[in-house]
């Protein structure tokens, strides 16, 4: 990606998903280190998946807004 021009870099990053850190690890860690059963940790999965989905949805929305703004500025 470093060798691509700016337009190509934008194309690549506009189709990319970036996750920073481990979403949900603290939830699992707390449950497992608090001597909870594996069932308790397992019950967190739908909530953690929902949180990741929400984060991706918000990120997608923000990227769409930023792209729209960028196109209006560069026109």
C-alpha atoms as a PDB file:
ATOM      1  CA  UNK A   1       0.000   0.000   0.000  1.00  0.00           C
ATOM      2  CA  UNK A   2       2.928   2.355   0.622  1.00  0.00           C
ATOM      3  CA  UNK A   3       3.874   2.306  -3.058  1.00  0.00           C
ATOM      4  CA  UNK A   4       0.384   3.212  -4.259  1.00  0.00           C
ATOM      5  CA  UNK A   5      -0.741   6.716  -5.074  1.00  0.00           C
ATOM      6  CA  UNK A   6      -3.156   8.582  -2.805  1.00  0.00           C
ATOM      7  CA  UNK A   7      -6.227   7.629  -4.847  1.00  0.00           C
ATOM      8  CA  UNK A   8      -5.296   3.941  -4.701  1.00  0.00           C
ATOM      9  CA  UNK A   9      -4.597   4.179  -0.952  1.00  0.00           C
ATOM     10  CA  UNK A  10      -8.041   5.706  -0.383  1.00  0.00           C
ATOM     11  CA  UNK A  11      -9.629   2.964  -2.481  1.00  0.00           C
ATOM     12  CA  UNK A  12      -7.899   0.269  -0.425  1.00  0.00           C
ATOM     13  CA  UNK A  13      -8.669   1.811   2.963  1.00  0.00           C
ATOM     14  CA  UNK A  14     -12.291   2.544   2.030  1.00  0.00           C
ATOM     15  CA  UNK A  15     -12.802  -1.203   1.619  1.00  0.00           C
ATOM     16  CA  UNK A  16     -10.896  -2.194   4.740  1.00  0.00           C
ATOM     17  CA  UNK A  17     -11.937  -2.972   8.283  1.00  0.00           C
ATOM     18  CA  UNK A  18      -9.682  -1.867  11.105  1.00  0.00           C
ATOM     19  CA  UNK A  19      -9.982  -3.244  14.616  1.00  0.00           C
ATOM     20  CA  UNK A  20      -7.777  -1.734  17.276  1.00  0.00           C
ATOM     21  CA  UNK A  21      -7.264  -3.893  20.320  1.00  0.00           C
ATOM     22  CA  UNK A  22      -9.133  -6.991  21.308  1.00  0.00           C
ATOM     23  CA  UNK A  23     -12.833  -6.227  21.614  1.00  0.00           C
ATOM     24  CA  UNK A  24     -14.397  -8.424  24.274  1.00  0.00           C
ATOM     25  CA  UNK A  25     -11.202  -9.793  25.795  1.00  0.00           C
ATOM     26  CA  UNK A  26     -11.736  -7.912  29.058  1.00  0.00           C
ATOM     27  CA  UNK A  27     -15.265  -9.317  29.323  1.00  0.00           C
ATOM     28  CA  UNK A  28     -14.052 -12.882  28.940  1.00  0.00           C
ATOM     29  CA  UNK A  29     -11.021 -12.310  31.143  1.00  0.00           C
ATOM     30  CA  UNK A  30     -13.111 -10.866  33.980  1.00  0.00           C
ATOM     31  CA  UNK A  31     -15.615 -13.705  33.831  1.00  0.00           C
ATOM     32  CA  UNK A  32     -12.973 -16.425  33.729  1.00  0.00           C
ATOM     33  CA  UNK A  33     -10.668 -14.868  36.331  1.00  0.00           C
ATOM     34  CA  UNK A  34     -13.593 -14.339  38.728  1.00  0.00           C
ATOM     35  CA  UNK A  35     -14.049 -18.108  38.937  1.00  0.00           C
ATOM     36  CA  UNK A  36     -17.243 -17.955  36.896  1.00  0.00           C
ATOM     37  CA  UNK A  37     -18.234 -20.981  34.882  1.00  0.00           C
ATOM     38  CA  UNK A  38     -17.442 -21.292  31.208  1.00  0.00           C
ATOM     39  CA  UNK A  39     -21.209 -20.955  30.669  1.00  0.00           C
ATOM     40  CA  UNK A  40     -21.068 -17.402  32.038  1.00  0.00           C
ATOM     41  CA  UNK A  41     -18.216 -16.505  29.681  1.00  0.00           C
ATOM     42  CA  UNK A  42     -20.053 -18.206  26.823  1.00  0.00           C
ATOM     43  CA  UNK A  43     -23.214 -16.234  27.590  1.00  0.00           C
ATOM     44  CA  UNK A  44     -21.260 -13.036  26.860  1.00  0.00           C
ATOM     45  CA  UNK A  45     -20.670 -13.997  23.217  1.00  0.00           C
ATOM     46  CA  UNK A  46     -23.917 -12.530  21.796  1.00  0.00           C
ATOM     47  CA  UNK A  47     -23.340  -9.264  23.669  1.00  0.00           C
ATOM     48  CA  UNK A  48     -19.748  -8.984  22.484  1.00  0.00           C
ATOM     49  CA  UNK A  49     -20.700  -9.807  18.882  1.00  0.00           C
ATOM     50  CA  UNK A  50     -23.431  -7.159  19.102  1.00  0.00           C
ATOM     51  CA  UNK A  51     -20.906  -4.604  20.333  1.00  0.00           C
ATOM     52  CA  UNK A  52     -18.502  -5.405  17.501  1.00  0.00           C
ATOM     53  CA  UNK A  53     -21.354  -5.179  14.993  1.00  0.00           C
ATOM     54  CA  UNK A  54     -22.399  -1.799  16.402  1.00  0.00           C
ATOM     55  CA  UNK A  55     -18.828  -0.513  16.248  1.00  0.00           C
ATOM     56  CA  UNK A  56     -18.511  -1.617  12.631  1.00  0.00           C
ATOM     57  CA  UNK A  57     -21.864  -0.033  11.768  1.00  0.00           C
ATOM     58  CA  UNK A  58     -20.853   3.285  13.337  1.00  0.00           C
ATOM     59  CA  UNK A  59     -17.449   3.124  11.649  1.00  0.00           C
ATOM     60  CA  UNK A  60     -19.074   2.425   8.284  1.00  0.00           C
ATOM     61  CA  UNK A  61     -21.469   5.327   8.765  1.00  0.00           C
ATOM     62  CA  UNK A  62     -18.647   7.687   9.740  1.00  0.00           C
ATOM     63  CA  UNK A  63     -16.611   6.574   6.724  1.00  0.00           C
ATOM     64  CA  UNK A  64     -19.546   7.221   4.411  1.00  0.00           C
ATOM     65  CA  UNK A  65     -20.028  10.697   5.883  1.00  0.00           C
ATOM     66  CA  UNK A  66     -16.292  11.448   5.643  1.00  0.00           C
ATOM     67  CA  UNK A  67     -16.222  10.231   2.037  1.00  0.00           C
ATOM     68  CA  UNK A  68     -19.207  12.404   1.147  1.00  0.00           C
ATOM     69  CA  UNK A  69     -17.585  15.427   2.781  1.00  0.00           C
ATOM     70  CA  UNK A  70     -14.264  14.695   1.079  1.00  0.00           C
ATOM     71  CA  UNK A  71     -15.963  14.494  -2.327  1.00  0.00           C
ATOM     72  CA  UNK A  72     -17.744  17.807  -1.747  1.00  0.00           C
ATOM     73  CA  UNK A  73     -14.515  19.500  -0.667  1.00  0.00           C
ATOM     74  CA  UNK A  74     -12.461  18.155  -3.576  1.00  0.00           C
ATOM     75  CA  UNK A  75     -15.087  19.011  -6.235  1.00  0.00           C
END
